[in-house]
C-alpha atoms as a PDB file:
ATOM      1  CA  UNK A   1     -18.510  -4.262  13.465  1.00  0.00           C
ATOM      2  CA  UNK A   2     -17.696  -7.539  15.224  1.00  0.00           C
ATOM      3  CA  UNK A   3     -14.157  -7.508  13.827  1.00  0.00           C
ATOM      4  CA  UNK A   4     -13.631  -3.963  15.113  1.00  0.00           C
ATOM      5  CA  UNK A   5     -14.795  -4.983  18.601  1.00  0.00           C
ATOM      6  CA  UNK A   6     -12.411  -7.952  18.564  1.00  0.00           C
ATOM      7  CA  UNK A   7      -9.513  -5.765  17.446  1.00  0.00           C
ATOM      8  CA  UNK A   8     -10.368  -3.189  20.114  1.00  0.00           C
ATOM      9  CA  UNK A   9     -10.493  -5.902  22.769  1.00  0.00           C
ATOM     10  CA  UNK A  10      -7.104  -7.201  21.637  1.00  0.00           C
ATOM     11  CA  UNK A  11      -5.597  -3.704  21.747  1.00  0.00           C
ATOM     12  CA  UNK A  12      -7.075  -2.964  25.169  1.00  0.00           C
ATOM     13  CA  UNK A  13      -5.925  -6.365  26.449  1.00  0.00           C
ATOM     14  CA  UNK A  14      -2.414  -5.726  25.126  1.00  0.00           C
ATOM     15  CA  UNK A  15      -2.221  -2.286  26.748  1.00  0.00           C
ATOM     16  CA  UNK A  16      -3.496  -3.633  30.065  1.00  0.00           C
ATOM     17  CA  UNK A  17      -1.033  -6.522  29.778  1.00  0.00           C
ATOM     18  CA  UNK A  18       1.872  -4.181  29.100  1.00  0.00           C
ATOM     19  CA  UNK A  19       0.902  -1.918  31.975  1.00  0.00           C
ATOM     20  CA  UNK A  20       0.671  -4.935  34.261  1.00  0.00           C
ATOM     21  CA  UNK A  21       4.057  -6.189  33.088  1.00  0.00           C
ATOM     22  CA  UNK A  22       5.564  -2.744  33.590  1.00  0.00           C
ATOM     23  CA  UNK A  23       4.165  -2.659  37.129  1.00  0.00           C
ATOM     24  CA  UNK A  24       5.590  -6.102  37.894  1.00  0.00           C
ATOM     25  CA  UNK A  25       8.983  -5.167  36.494  1.00  0.00           C
ATOM     26  CA  UNK A  26       9.053  -1.983  38.527  1.00  0.00           C
ATOM     27  CA  UNK A  27       8.284  -3.957  41.689  1.00  0.00           C
ATOM     28  CA  UNK A  28      10.926  -6.609  41.019  1.00  0.00           C
ATOM     29  CA  UNK A  29      13.765  -6.456  43.516  1.00  0.00           C
ATOM     30  CA  UNK A  30      17.281  -5.665  42.320  1.00  0.00           C
ATOM     31  CA  UNK A  31      19.973  -8.219  43.152  1.00  0.00           C
ATOM     32  CA  UNK A  32      23.211  -7.448  44.973  1.00  0.00           C
ATOM     33  CA  UNK A  33      25.877 -10.137  44.679  1.00  0.00           C
ATOM     34  CA  UNK A  34      28.487 -10.557  47.433  1.00  0.00           C
ATOM     35  CA  UNK A  35      31.598 -12.592  46.551  1.00  0.00           C
ATOM     36  CA  UNK A  36      34.306 -14.190  48.658  1.00  0.00           C
ATOM     37  CA  UNK A  37      36.478 -17.257  48.354  1.00  0.00           C
ATOM     38  CA  UNK A  38      34.462 -20.027  50.006  1.00  0.00           C
ATOM     39  CA  UNK A  39      30.997 -18.468  50.485  1.00  0.00           C
ATOM     40  CA  UNK A  40      31.267 -19.528  54.104  1.00  0.00           C
ATOM     41  CA  UNK A  41      31.915 -16.426  56.159  1.00  0.00           C
ATOM     42  CA  UNK A  42      32.456 -12.867  54.835  1.00  0.00           C
ATOM     43  CA  UNK A  43      30.036 -12.919  51.908  1.00  0.00           C
ATOM     44  CA  UNK A  44      27.451 -14.746  54.017  1.00  0.00           C
ATOM     45  CA  UNK A  45      27.621 -12.113  56.778  1.00  0.00           C
ATOM     46  CA  UNK A  46      27.247  -9.353  54.170  1.00  0.00           C
ATOM     47  CA  UNK A  47      24.328 -11.162  52.489  1.00  0.00           C
ATOM     48  CA  UNK A  48      22.430 -11.889  55.709  1.00  0.00           C
ATOM     49  CA  UNK A  49      22.927  -8.404  57.145  1.00  0.00           C
ATOM     50  CA  UNK A  50      22.025  -6.707  53.860  1.00  0.00           C
ATOM     51  CA  UNK A  51      18.823  -8.738  53.444  1.00  0.00           C
ATOM     52  CA  UNK A  52      17.823  -8.084  57.043  1.00  0.00           C
ATOM     53  CA  UNK A  53      18.327  -4.310  56.700  1.00  0.00           C
ATOM     54  CA  UNK A  54      16.636  -3.855  53.309  1.00  0.00           C
ATOM     55  CA  UNK A  55      13.706  -5.945  54.492  1.00  0.00           C
ATOM     56  CA  UNK A  56      13.299  -3.737  57.567  1.00  0.00           C
ATOM     57  CA  UNK A  57      13.419  -0.603  55.390  1.00  0.00           C
ATOM     58  CA  UNK A  58      11.150  -2.019  52.684  1.00  0.00           C
ATOM     59  CA  UNK A  59      13.724  -1.451  49.949  1.00  0.00           C
ATOM     60  CA  UNK A  60      13.415  -3.262  46.610  1.00  0.00           C
ATOM     61  CA  UNK A  61      16.757  -5.041  46.826  1.00  0.00           C
ATOM     62  CA  UNK A  62      17.942  -8.463  47.909  1.00  0.00           C
ATOM     63  CA  UNK A  63      21.343 -10.088  48.151  1.00  0.00           C
ATOM     64  CA  UNK A  64      22.861 -13.422  47.338  1.00  0.00           C
ATOM     65  CA  UNK A  65      26.409 -14.552  47.995  1.00  0.00           C
ATOM     66  CA  UNK A  66      28.694 -16.878  46.104  1.00  0.00           C
ATOM     67  CA  UNK A  67      32.192 -18.316  46.343  1.00  0.00           C
ATOM     68  CA  UNK A  68      35.051 -18.008  43.883  1.00  0.00           C
ATOM     69  CA  UNK A  69      36.979 -21.160  44.883  1.00  0.00           C
ATOM     70  CA  UNK A  70      37.038 -24.005  42.353  1.00  0.00           C
ATOM     71  CA  UNK A  71      34.645 -25.936  44.590  1.00  0.00           C
ATOM     72  CA  UNK A  72      33.397 -24.145  47.679  1.00  0.00           C
ATOM     73  CA  UNK A  73      32.498 -27.459  49.283  1.00  0.00           C
ATOM     74  CA  UNK A  74      36.108 -28.668  49.052  1.00  0.00           C
ATOM     75  CA  UNK A  75      37.869 -25.794  50.846  1.00  0.00           C
ATOM     76  CA  UNK A  76      37.734 -27.476  54.251  1.00  0.00           C
ATOM     77  CA  UNK A  77      34.858 -25.575  55.817  1.00  0.00           C
ATOM     78  CA  UNK A  78      32.548 -27.495  58.121  1.00  0.00           C
ATOM     79  CA  UNK A  79      28.826 -26.838  57.893  1.00  0.00           C
ATOM     80  CA  UNK A  80      26.802 -24.413  55.828  1.00  0.00           C
ATOM     81  CA  UNK A  81      28.093 -21.198  57.417  1.00  0.00           C
ATOM     82  CA  UNK A  82      30.952 -20.371  59.770  1.00  0.00           C
ATOM     83  CA  UNK A  83      29.980 -20.462  63.457  1.00  0.00           C
ATOM     84  CA  UNK A  84      31.742 -17.115  63.975  1.00  0.00           C
ATOM     85  CA  UNK A  85      29.599 -15.660  61.161  1.00  0.00           C
ATOM     86  CA  UNK A  86      26.445 -16.654  63.043  1.00  0.00           C
ATOM     87  CA  UNK A  87      27.888 -15.360  66.318  1.00  0.00           C
ATOM     88  CA  UNK A  88      28.636 -11.960  64.752  1.00  0.00           C
ATOM     89  CA  UNK A  89      25.270 -11.771  62.987  1.00  0.00           C
ATOM     90  CA  UNK A  90      23.606 -12.243  66.385  1.00  0.00           C
ATOM     91  CA  UNK A  91      25.681  -9.362  67.773  1.00  0.00           C
ATOM     92  CA  UNK A  92      24.414  -7.220  64.889  1.00  0.00           C
ATOM     93  CA  UNK A  93      20.819  -8.078  65.776  1.00  0.00           C
ATOM     94  CA  UNK A  94      20.210 -10.238  62.704  1.00  0.00           C
ATOM     95  CA  UNK A  95      17.928 -13.235  63.388  1.00  0.00           C
ATOM     96  CA  UNK A  96      19.888 -16.456  62.966  1.00  0.00           C
ATOM     97  CA  UNK A  97      17.228 -19.027  63.787  1.00  0.00           C
ATOM     98  CA  UNK A  98      16.995 -20.413  60.287  1.00  0.00           C
ATOM     99  CA  UNK A  99      18.496 -23.212  58.274  1.00  0.00           C
ATOM    100  CA  UNK A 100      21.329 -21.913  56.117  1.00  0.00           C
ATOM    101  CA  UNK A 101      21.975 -23.243  52.648  1.00  0.00           C
ATOM    102  CA  UNK A 102      25.329 -24.769  51.767  1.00  0.00           C
ATOM    103  CA  UNK A 103      27.989 -22.540  50.205  1.00  0.00           C
ATOM    104  CA  UNK A 104      27.481 -21.993  46.486  1.00  0.00           C
ATOM    105  CA  UNK A 105      29.925 -21.468  43.644  1.00  0.00           C
ATOM    106  CA  UNK A 106      29.638 -18.456  41.392  1.00  0.00           C
ATOM    107  CA  UNK A 107      28.090 -19.110  37.973  1.00  0.00           C
ATOM    108  CA  UNK A 108      27.746 -16.800  34.974  1.00  0.00           C
ATOM    109  CA  UNK A 109      24.018 -16.286  35.575  1.00  0.00           C
ATOM    110  CA  UNK A 110      24.814 -14.692  38.942  1.00  0.00           C
ATOM    111  CA  UNK A 111      26.871 -11.985  37.207  1.00  0.00           C
ATOM    112  CA  UNK A 112      24.315 -11.396  34.505  1.00  0.00           C
ATOM    113  CA  UNK A 113      21.402 -10.900  36.872  1.00  0.00           C
ATOM    114  CA  UNK A 114      23.138  -8.756  39.517  1.00  0.00           C
ATOM    115  CA  UNK A 115      22.648  -5.021  39.626  1.00  0.00           C
ATOM    116  CA  UNK A 116      25.645  -4.599  41.924  1.00  0.00           C
ATOM    117  CA  UNK A 117      28.602  -6.923  42.514  1.00  0.00           C
ATOM    118  CA  UNK A 118      30.780  -6.605  45.594  1.00  0.00           C
ATOM    119  CA  UNK A 119      33.865  -8.729  46.200  1.00  0.00           C
ATOM    120  CA  UNK A 120      35.028  -8.684  49.795  1.00  0.00           C
ATOM    121  CA  UNK A 121      38.784  -8.458  49.137  1.00  0.00           C
ATOM    122  CA  UNK A 122      40.434  -7.128  45.977  1.00  0.00           C
ATOM    123  CA  UNK A 123      43.877  -8.681  46.550  1.00  0.00           C
ATOM    124  CA  UNK A 124      42.340 -12.102  47.065  1.00  0.00           C
ATOM    125  CA  UNK A 125      39.389 -11.999  44.674  1.00  0.00           C
ATOM    126  CA  UNK A 126      40.388  -9.942  41.619  1.00  0.00           C
ATOM    127  CA  UNK A 127      42.820 -12.631  40.350  1.00  0.00           C
ATOM    128  CA  UNK A 128      40.202 -15.375  40.860  1.00  0.00           C
ATOM    129  CA  UNK A 129      37.597 -13.379  38.957  1.00  0.00           C
ATOM    130  CA  UNK A 130      39.986 -12.661  36.061  1.00  0.00           C
ATOM    131  CA  UNK A 131      41.046 -16.309  35.863  1.00  0.00           C
ATOM    132  CA  UNK A 132      37.704 -18.066  36.295  1.00  0.00           C
ATOM    133  CA  UNK A 133      35.268 -15.485  34.939  1.00  0.00           C
ATOM    134  CA  UNK A 134      36.977 -13.499  32.153  1.00  0.00           C
ATOM    135  CA  UNK A 135      33.574 -12.837  30.536  1.00  0.00           C
ATOM    136  CA  UNK A 136      32.680 -10.506  33.379  1.00  0.00           C
ATOM    137  CA  UNK A 137      32.101  -7.105  31.847  1.00  0.00           C
ATOM    138  CA  UNK A 138      30.422  -5.401  34.803  1.00  0.00           C
ATOM    139  CA  UNK A 139      32.105  -3.143  37.266  1.00  0.00           C
ATOM    140  CA  UNK A 140      32.914  -4.812  40.547  1.00  0.00           C
ATOM    141  CA  UNK A 141      33.114  -2.936  43.810  1.00  0.00           C
ATOM    142  CA  UNK A 142      35.947  -4.245  45.963  1.00  0.00           C
ATOM    143  CA  UNK A 143      35.974  -3.993  49.730  1.00  0.00           C
ATOM    144  CA  UNK A 144      39.248  -4.616  51.549  1.00  0.00           C
ATOM    145  CA  UNK A 145      38.213  -7.173  54.145  1.00  0.00           C
ATOM    146  CA  UNK A 146      40.790  -9.944  54.594  1.00  0.00           C
ATOM    147  CA  UNK A 147      39.912 -13.524  55.474  1.00  0.00           C
ATOM    148  CA  UNK A 148      39.999 -14.845  59.030  1.00  0.00           C
ATOM    149  CA  UNK A 149      43.639 -15.962  58.746  1.00  0.00           C
ATOM    150  CA  UNK A 150      44.672 -12.283  58.382  1.00  0.00           C
ATOM    151  CA  UNK A 151      42.040 -10.459  60.445  1.00  0.00           C
ATOM    152  CA  UNK A 152      40.007 -11.800  63.386  1.00  0.00           C
ATOM    153  CA  UNK A 153      36.389 -12.523  62.485  1.00  0.00           C
ATOM    154  CA  UNK A 154      35.031 -10.034  65.012  1.00  0.00           C
ATOM    155  CA  UNK A 155      37.088  -7.193  63.499  1.00  0.00           C
ATOM    156  CA  UNK A 156      36.223  -8.198  59.928  1.00  0.00           C
ATOM    157  CA  UNK A 157      32.522  -8.410  60.781  1.00  0.00           C
ATOM    158  CA  UNK A 158      32.617  -4.879  62.235  1.00  0.00           C
ATOM    159  CA  UNK A 159      34.004  -3.644  58.910  1.00  0.00           C
ATOM    160  CA  UNK A 160      31.405  -5.643  56.959  1.00  0.00           C
ATOM    161  CA  UNK A 161      28.657  -4.182  59.148  1.00  0.00           C
ATOM    162  CA  UNK A 162      29.895  -0.632  58.543  1.00  0.00           C
ATOM    163  CA  UNK A 163      30.158  -1.192  54.778  1.00  0.00           C
ATOM    164  CA  UNK A 164      26.705  -2.801  54.522  1.00  0.00           C
ATOM    165  CA  UNK A 165      25.114  -0.014  56.586  1.00  0.00           C
ATOM    166  CA  UNK A 166      26.708   2.549  54.232  1.00  0.00           C
ATOM    167  CA  UNK A 167      25.507   0.616  51.190  1.00  0.00           C
ATOM    168  CA  UNK A 168      21.934   0.340  52.463  1.00  0.00           C
ATOM    169  CA  UNK A 169      21.932   4.037  53.342  1.00  0.00           C
ATOM    170  CA  UNK A 170      23.087   4.861  49.789  1.00  0.00           C
ATOM    171  CA  UNK A 171      20.381   2.660  48.253  1.00  0.00           C
ATOM    172  CA  UNK A 172      17.643   3.915  50.572  1.00  0.00           C
ATOM    173  CA  UNK A 173      16.271   6.551  48.198  1.00  0.00           C
ATOM    174  CA  UNK A 174      17.334   5.041  44.876  1.00  0.00           C
ATOM    175  CA  UNK A 175      15.021   3.201  42.543  1.00  0.00           C
ATOM    176  CA  UNK A 176      16.566  -0.175  41.648  1.00  0.00           C
END
């Protein structure tokens, strides 16, 4: 009788544990990964805007951004994020009164844990991805947003804003 009670308690505990785990997994936020060359400007604007919008809507997504350069801290950028990125985020209504982390290089784990990967410019980023990350076997969505040397930051940020708004609208009723 005692053995049966112990077995029953174990079974009930396992079922409750599995249900709890299932609940936690369902509530886990899905990751969107934004990629650009130096993780200093375009991908950071996309990341910050995306996180602001999904937070406001209560969606179960979050974004990170990474750079594809060999060493994002050696590409000549000054500071953690481009001043024109912050300026344009303010124009979009995104709070910018926080401390920004330094640019980060892409690592394999970022690919493996992302539900959606968006590179900000196919011409610029597809060759870098093929060369540095040939193991990538996920589909990548490419946006055609050139770097600041080819398109003024204000114009690029307007395109990023439009694309992120479209993305968030698409994700609004989807389960991650």
